[in-house]
Amino acid sequence: MGELRTYRVNGMTCEGCVRAVTNALRKANPAADVHVDLTGGTVAVAGIDSDEQVRMAMERAGFEFLGAFDA
C-alpha cells in the first residue's frame, strides 16, 4: 500500500477529531491506512505518498499540519 509516514498535527482532542482526520485523508485516497494518536498528536498514513496531499487534507479538516514526525 505504500510507505507508512507519520506526521505531527495540532488541534486533535477527541474521537470526533479522529473521524475528521481519517475522513479527510480517505478523500485523498479511499484505501489509505490511517492511524491517529491523540495523545501523541500524530497521524500515521500509508497510501498517500505526497506530504502536500496530507497537509491539504489536514488543513481542510481544520487542523494545523506541523510536518513529518522525526523520531
PDB file of N, CA and C in Angstrom:
ATOM      1  N   MET A   1       0.823  -1.198   0.000  1.00  0.00           N
ATOM      2  CA  MET A   1       0.000   0.000   0.000  1.00  0.00           C
ATOM      3  C   MET A   1       0.857   1.248   0.000  1.00  0.00           C
ATOM      4  N   GLY A   2       2.102   1.130   0.242  1.00  0.00           N
ATOM      5  CA  GLY A   2       2.952   2.313   0.300  1.00  0.00           C
ATOM      6  C   GLY A   2       3.594   2.437   1.661  1.00  0.00           C
ATOM      7  N   GLU A   3       4.520   3.334   1.721  1.00  0.00           N
ATOM      8  CA  GLU A   3       5.286   3.557   2.951  1.00  0.00           C
ATOM      9  C   GLU A   3       4.426   4.232   4.014  1.00  0.00           C
ATOM     10  N   LEU A   4       4.559   3.775   5.254  1.00  0.00           N
ATOM     11  CA  LEU A   4       3.871   4.400   6.379  1.00  0.00           C
ATOM     12  C   LEU A   4       4.668   5.628   6.789  1.00  0.00           C
ATOM     13  N   ARG A   5       4.020   6.787   6.756  1.00  0.00           N
ATOM     14  CA  ARG A   5       4.665   8.039   7.160  1.00  0.00           C
ATOM     15  C   ARG A   5       3.892   8.622   8.329  1.00  0.00           C
ATOM     16  N   THR A   6       4.608   9.229   9.257  1.00  0.00           N
ATOM     17  CA  THR A   6       3.978   9.810  10.441  1.00  0.00           C
ATOM     18  C   THR A   6       4.139  11.317  10.414  1.00  0.00           C
ATOM     19  N   TYR A   7       3.046  12.005  10.751  1.00  0.00           N
ATOM     20  CA  TYR A   7       3.006  13.470  10.720  1.00  0.00           C
ATOM     21  C   TYR A   7       2.545  13.999  12.066  1.00  0.00           C
ATOM     22  N   ARG A   8       3.021  15.183  12.398  1.00  0.00           N
ATOM     23  CA  ARG A   8       2.568  15.883  13.604  1.00  0.00           C
ATOM     24  C   ARG A   8       1.408  16.787  13.205  1.00  0.00           C
ATOM     25  N   VAL A   9       0.340  16.740  14.014  1.00  0.00           N
ATOM     26  CA  VAL A   9      -0.859  17.517  13.732  1.00  0.00           C
ATOM     27  C   VAL A   9      -1.337  18.140  15.031  1.00  0.00           C
ATOM     28  N   ASN A  10      -1.608  19.423  14.994  1.00  0.00           N
ATOM     29  CA  ASN A  10      -2.055  20.146  16.183  1.00  0.00           C
ATOM     30  C   ASN A  10      -3.571  20.332  16.153  1.00  0.00           C
ATOM     31  N   GLY A  11      -4.192  20.206  17.312  1.00  0.00           N
ATOM     32  CA  GLY A  11      -5.608  20.511  17.441  1.00  0.00           C
ATOM     33  C   GLY A  11      -6.513  19.303  17.582  1.00  0.00           C
ATOM     34  N   MET A  12      -5.975  18.110  17.544  1.00  0.00           N
ATOM     35  CA  MET A  12      -6.799  16.906  17.690  1.00  0.00           C
ATOM     36  C   MET A  12      -7.005  16.629  19.176  1.00  0.00           C
ATOM     37  N   THR A  13      -8.279  16.562  19.592  1.00  0.00           N
ATOM     38  CA  THR A  13      -8.552  16.407  21.019  1.00  0.00           C
ATOM     39  C   THR A  13      -9.548  15.311  21.367  1.00  0.00           C
ATOM     40  N   CYS A  14     -10.265  14.761  20.361  1.00  0.00           N
ATOM     41  CA  CYS A  14     -11.338  13.823  20.692  1.00  0.00           C
ATOM     42  C   CYS A  14     -11.573  12.827  19.556  1.00  0.00           C
ATOM     43  N   GLU A  15     -12.475  11.905  19.780  1.00  0.00           N
ATOM     44  CA  GLU A  15     -12.796  10.905  18.757  1.00  0.00           C
ATOM     45  C   GLU A  15     -13.408  11.549  17.515  1.00  0.00           C
ATOM     46  N   GLY A  16     -14.086  12.676  17.682  1.00  0.00           N
ATOM     47  CA  GLY A  16     -14.603  13.409  16.519  1.00  0.00           C
ATOM     48  C   GLY A  16     -13.463  13.893  15.644  1.00  0.00           C
ATOM     49  N   CYS A  17     -12.377  14.295  16.277  1.00  0.00           N
ATOM     50  CA  CYS A  17     -11.183  14.713  15.532  1.00  0.00           C
ATOM     51  C   CYS A  17     -10.595  13.536  14.768  1.00  0.00           C
ATOM     52  N   VAL A  18     -10.578  12.375  15.401  1.00  0.00           N
ATOM     53  CA  VAL A  18     -10.060  11.166  14.748  1.00  0.00           C
ATOM     54  C   VAL A  18     -10.873  10.887  13.487  1.00  0.00           C
ATOM     55  N   ARG A  19     -12.197  10.961  13.590  1.00  0.00           N
ATOM     56  CA  ARG A  19     -13.055  10.721  12.427  1.00  0.00           C
ATOM     57  C   ARG A  19     -12.825  11.772  11.350  1.00  0.00           C
ATOM     58  N   ALA A  20     -12.701  13.048  11.746  1.00  0.00           N
ATOM     59  CA  ALA A  20     -12.497  14.117  10.772  1.00  0.00           C
ATOM     60  C   ALA A  20     -11.183  13.935  10.018  1.00  0.00           C
ATOM     61  N   VAL A  21     -10.125  13.597  10.735  1.00  0.00           N
ATOM     62  CA  VAL A  21      -8.810  13.391  10.118  1.00  0.00           C
ATOM     63  C   VAL A  21      -8.853  12.169   9.195  1.00  0.00           C
ATOM     64  N   THR A  22      -9.416  11.085   9.678  1.00  0.00           N
ATOM     65  CA  THR A  22      -9.494   9.865   8.879  1.00  0.00           C
ATOM     66  C   THR A  22     -10.296  10.104   7.609  1.00  0.00           C
ATOM     67  N   ASN A  23     -11.446  10.747   7.738  1.00  0.00           N
ATOM     68  CA  ASN A  23     -12.280  11.029   6.566  1.00  0.00           C
ATOM     69  C   ASN A  23     -11.577  11.949   5.575  1.00  0.00           C
ATOM     70  N   ALA A  24     -10.889  12.959   6.075  1.00  0.00           N
ATOM     71  CA  ALA A  24     -10.183  13.894   5.189  1.00  0.00           C
ATOM     72  C   ALA A  24      -9.093  13.170   4.400  1.00  0.00           C
ATOM     73  N   LEU A  25      -8.352  12.301   5.056  1.00  0.00           N
ATOM     74  CA  LEU A  25      -7.290  11.566   4.368  1.00  0.00           C
ATOM     75  C   LEU A  25      -7.850  10.534   3.403  1.00  0.00           C
ATOM     76  N   ARG A  26      -8.967   9.940   3.737  1.00  0.00           N
ATOM     77  CA  ARG A  26      -9.564   8.942   2.842  1.00  0.00           C
ATOM     78  C   ARG A  26     -10.232   9.591   1.632  1.00  0.00           C
ATOM     79  N   LYS A  27     -10.488  10.893   1.695  1.00  0.00           N
ATOM     80  CA  LYS A  27     -10.950  11.595   0.495  1.00  0.00           C
ATOM     81  C   LYS A  27      -9.805  11.683  -0.510  1.00  0.00           C
ATOM     82  N   ALA A  28      -8.578  11.800  -0.022  1.00  0.00           N
ATOM     83  CA  ALA A  28      -7.403  11.838  -0.899  1.00  0.00           C
ATOM     84  C   ALA A  28      -7.135  10.458  -1.485  1.00  0.00           C
ATOM     85  N   ASN A  29      -7.361   9.408  -0.691  1.00  0.00           N
ATOM     86  CA  ASN A  29      -7.206   8.030  -1.159  1.00  0.00           C
ATOM     87  C   ASN A  29      -8.114   7.144  -0.302  1.00  0.00           C
ATOM     88  N   PRO A  30      -9.227   6.679  -0.872  1.00  0.00           N
ATOM     89  CA  PRO A  30     -10.173   5.868  -0.090  1.00  0.00           C
ATOM     90  C   PRO A  30      -9.561   4.615   0.525  1.00  0.00           C
ATOM     91  N   ALA A  31      -8.464   4.127  -0.026  1.00  0.00           N
ATOM     92  CA  ALA A  31      -7.830   2.927   0.507  1.00  0.00           C
ATOM     93  C   ALA A  31      -6.714   3.232   1.501  1.00  0.00           C
ATOM     94  N   ALA A  32      -6.518   4.504   1.834  1.00  0.00           N
ATOM     95  CA  ALA A  32      -5.435   4.894   2.749  1.00  0.00           C
ATOM     96  C   ALA A  32      -5.608   4.199   4.098  1.00  0.00           C
ATOM     97  N   ASP A  33      -4.489   3.819   4.675  1.00  0.00           N
ATOM     98  CA  ASP A  33      -4.446   3.237   6.013  1.00  0.00           C
ATOM     99  C   ASP A  33      -4.065   4.375   6.957  1.00  0.00           C
ATOM    100  N   VAL A  34      -4.971   4.733   7.878  1.00  0.00           N
ATOM    101  CA  VAL A  34      -4.789   5.904   8.737  1.00  0.00           C
ATOM    102  C   VAL A  34      -4.848   5.483  10.199  1.00  0.00           C
ATOM    103  N   HIS A  35      -3.854   5.924  10.978  1.00  0.00           N
ATOM    104  CA  HIS A  35      -3.817   5.665  12.421  1.00  0.00           C
ATOM    105  C   HIS A  35      -3.567   6.983  13.138  1.00  0.00           C
ATOM    106  N   VAL A  36      -4.519   7.401  13.973  1.00  0.00           N
ATOM    107  CA  VAL A  36      -4.419   8.669  14.693  1.00  0.00           C
ATOM    108  C   VAL A  36      -4.066   8.394  16.146  1.00  0.00           C
ATOM    109  N   ASP A  37      -3.060   9.103  16.656  1.00  0.00           N
ATOM    110  CA  ASP A  37      -2.657   9.020  18.059  1.00  0.00           C
ATOM    111  C   ASP A  37      -2.959  10.370  18.707  1.00  0.00           C
ATOM    112  N   LEU A  38      -4.097  10.450  19.376  1.00  0.00           N
ATOM    113  CA  LEU A  38      -4.492  11.718  20.013  1.00  0.00           C
ATOM    114  C   LEU A  38      -3.480  12.171  21.054  1.00  0.00           C
ATOM    115  N   THR A  39      -3.023  11.244  21.881  1.00  0.00           N
ATOM    116  CA  THR A  39      -2.090  11.583  22.952  1.00  0.00           C
ATOM    117  C   THR A  39      -0.788  12.147  22.401  1.00  0.00           C
ATOM    118  N   GLY A  40      -0.271  11.522  21.363  1.00  0.00           N
ATOM    119  CA  GLY A  40       0.996  11.958  20.776  1.00  0.00           C
ATOM    120  C   GLY A  40       0.856  13.068  19.760  1.00  0.00           C
ATOM    121  N   GLY A  41      -0.382  13.348  19.337  1.00  0.00           N
ATOM    122  CA  GLY A  41      -0.600  14.386  18.332  1.00  0.00           C
ATOM    123  C   GLY A  41      -0.023  14.021  16.975  1.00  0.00           C
ATOM    124  N   THR A  42      -0.109  12.714  16.640  1.00  0.00           N
ATOM    125  CA  THR A  42       0.437  12.268  15.369  1.00  0.00           C
ATOM    126  C   THR A  42      -0.602  11.505  14.561  1.00  0.00           C
ATOM    127  N   VAL A  43      -0.348  11.474  13.261  1.00  0.00           N
ATOM    128  CA  VAL A  43      -1.166  10.706  12.328  1.00  0.00           C
ATOM    129  C   VAL A  43      -0.209   9.907  11.453  1.00  0.00           C
ATOM    130  N   ALA A  44      -0.380   8.584  11.426  1.00  0.00           N
ATOM    131  CA  ALA A  44       0.412   7.723  10.556  1.00  0.00           C
ATOM    132  C   ALA A  44      -0.450   7.351   9.364  1.00  0.00           C
ATOM    133  N   VAL A  45       0.124   7.497   8.170  1.00  0.00           N
ATOM    134  CA  VAL A  45      -0.637   7.291   6.938  1.00  0.00           C
ATOM    135  C   VAL A  45       0.165   6.431   5.970  1.00  0.00           C
ATOM    136  N   ALA A  46      -0.485   5.436   5.403  1.00  0.00           N
ATOM    137  CA  ALA A  46       0.076   4.673   4.283  1.00  0.00           C
ATOM    138  C   ALA A  46      -0.927   4.789   3.149  1.00  0.00           C
ATOM    139  N   GLY A  47      -0.423   4.955   1.946  1.00  0.00           N
ATOM    140  CA  GLY A  47      -1.310   5.033   0.795  1.00  0.00           C
ATOM    141  C   GLY A  47      -1.449   6.428   0.228  1.00  0.00           C
ATOM    142  N   ILE A  48      -0.860   7.413   0.880  1.00  0.00           N
ATOM    143  CA  ILE A  48      -0.796   8.772   0.343  1.00  0.00           C
ATOM    144  C   ILE A  48       0.679   9.144   0.338  1.00  0.00           C
ATOM    145  N   ASP A  49       1.244   9.236  -0.859  1.00  0.00           N
ATOM    146  CA  ASP A  49       2.689   9.399  -0.976  1.00  0.00           C
ATOM    147  C   ASP A  49       3.154  10.848  -0.917  1.00  0.00           C
ATOM    148  N   SER A  50       2.238  11.786  -1.023  1.00  0.00           N
ATOM    149  CA  SER A  50       2.615  13.197  -1.069  1.00  0.00           C
ATOM    150  C   SER A  50       2.348  13.869   0.280  1.00  0.00           C
ATOM    151  N   ASP A  51       3.402  14.429   0.873  1.00  0.00           N
ATOM    152  CA  ASP A  51       3.234  15.193   2.115  1.00  0.00           C
ATOM    153  C   ASP A  51       2.277  16.359   1.894  1.00  0.00           C
ATOM    154  N   GLU A  52       2.313  16.925   0.702  1.00  0.00           N
ATOM    155  CA  GLU A  52       1.445  18.065   0.383  1.00  0.00           C
ATOM    156  C   GLU A  52      -0.030  17.652   0.404  1.00  0.00           C
ATOM    157  N   GLN A  53      -0.341  16.468  -0.085  1.00  0.00           N
ATOM    158  CA  GLN A  53      -1.725  15.980  -0.034  1.00  0.00           C
ATOM    159  C   GLN A  53      -2.174  15.811   1.408  1.00  0.00           C
ATOM    160  N   VAL A  54      -1.294  15.303   2.245  1.00  0.00           N
ATOM    161  CA  VAL A  54      -1.621  15.130   3.659  1.00  0.00           C
ATOM    162  C   VAL A  54      -1.835  16.501   4.305  1.00  0.00           C
ATOM    163  N   ARG A  55      -0.951  17.445   4.023  1.00  0.00           N
ATOM    164  CA  ARG A  55      -1.087  18.797   4.582  1.00  0.00           C
ATOM    165  C   ARG A  55      -2.428  19.415   4.192  1.00  0.00           C
ATOM    166  N   MET A  56      -2.762  19.342   2.920  1.00  0.00           N
ATOM    167  CA  MET A  56      -4.017  19.940   2.456  1.00  0.00           C
ATOM    168  C   MET A  56      -5.226  19.277   3.105  1.00  0.00           C
ATOM    169  N   ALA A  57      -5.192  17.955   3.253  1.00  0.00           N
ATOM    170  CA  ALA A  57      -6.298  17.251   3.894  1.00  0.00           C
ATOM    171  C   ALA A  57      -6.451  17.676   5.351  1.00  0.00           C
ATOM    172  N   MET A  58      -5.327  17.794   6.071  1.00  0.00           N
ATOM    173  CA  MET A  58      -5.382  18.207   7.480  1.00  0.00           C
ATOM    174  C   MET A  58      -5.938  19.619   7.614  1.00  0.00           C
ATOM    175  N   GLU A  59      -5.487  20.516   6.756  1.00  0.00           N
ATOM    176  CA  GLU A  59      -5.954  21.900   6.834  1.00  0.00           C
ATOM    177  C   GLU A  59      -7.427  22.014   6.451  1.00  0.00           C
ATOM    178  N   ARG A  60      -7.870  21.253   5.455  1.00  0.00           N
ATOM    179  CA  ARG A  60      -9.294  21.255   5.091  1.00  0.00           C
ATOM    180  C   ARG A  60     -10.150  20.750   6.248  1.00  0.00           C
ATOM    181  N   ALA A  61      -9.608  19.825   7.034  1.00  0.00           N
ATOM    182  CA  ALA A  61     -10.346  19.279   8.179  1.00  0.00           C
ATOM    183  C   ALA A  61     -10.283  20.208   9.392  1.00  0.00           C
ATOM    184  N   GLY A  62      -9.493  21.287   9.299  1.00  0.00           N
ATOM    185  CA  GLY A  62      -9.452  22.267  10.380  1.00  0.00           C
ATOM    186  C   GLY A  62      -8.320  22.092  11.378  1.00  0.00           C
ATOM    187  N   PHE A  63      -7.299  21.322  10.996  1.00  0.00           N
ATOM    188  CA  PHE A  63      -6.189  21.060  11.911  1.00  0.00           C
ATOM    189  C   PHE A  63      -4.895  21.691  11.376  1.00  0.00           C
ATOM    190  N   GLU A  64      -3.988  21.957  12.281  1.00  0.00           N
ATOM    191  CA  GLU A  64      -2.706  22.556  11.918  1.00  0.00           C
ATOM    192  C   GLU A  64      -1.700  21.438  11.614  1.00  0.00           C
ATOM    193  N   PHE A  65      -1.232  21.399  10.385  1.00  0.00           N
ATOM    194  CA  PHE A  65      -0.249  20.408   9.945  1.00  0.00           C
ATOM    195  C   PHE A  65       1.129  20.904  10.357  1.00  0.00           C
ATOM    196  N   LEU A  66       1.866  20.102  11.123  1.00  0.00           N
ATOM    197  CA  LEU A  66       3.182  20.515  11.633  1.00  0.00           C
ATOM    198  C   LEU A  66       4.328  19.794  10.952  1.00  0.00           C
ATOM    199  N   GLY A  67       4.019  18.988   9.935  1.00  0.00           N
ATOM    200  CA  GLY A  67       5.081  18.334   9.171  1.00  0.00           C
ATOM    201  C   GLY A  67       5.317  16.890   9.574  1.00  0.00           C
ATOM    202  N   ALA A  68       6.265  16.297   8.880  1.00  0.00           N
ATOM    203  CA  ALA A  68       6.621  14.902   9.142  1.00  0.00           C
ATOM    204  C   ALA A  68       7.238  14.768  10.517  1.00  0.00           C
ATOM    205  N   PHE A  69       6.947  13.663  11.166  1.00  0.00           N
ATOM    206  CA  PHE A  69       7.463  13.396  12.505  1.00  0.00           C
ATOM    207  C   PHE A  69       8.876  12.832  12.393  1.00  0.00           C
ATOM    208  N   ASP A  70       9.804  13.466  13.060  1.00  0.00           N
ATOM    209  CA  ASP A  70      11.180  12.981  13.093  1.00  0.00           C
ATOM    210  C   ASP A  70      11.434  12.393  14.468  1.00  0.00           C
ATOM    211  N   ALA A  71      11.446  11.070  14.520  1.00  0.00           N
ATOM    212  CA  ALA A  71      11.608  10.400  15.817  1.00  0.00           C
ATOM    213  C   ALA A  71      13.014  10.538  16.345  1.00  0.00           C
TER     214      ALA A  71
END
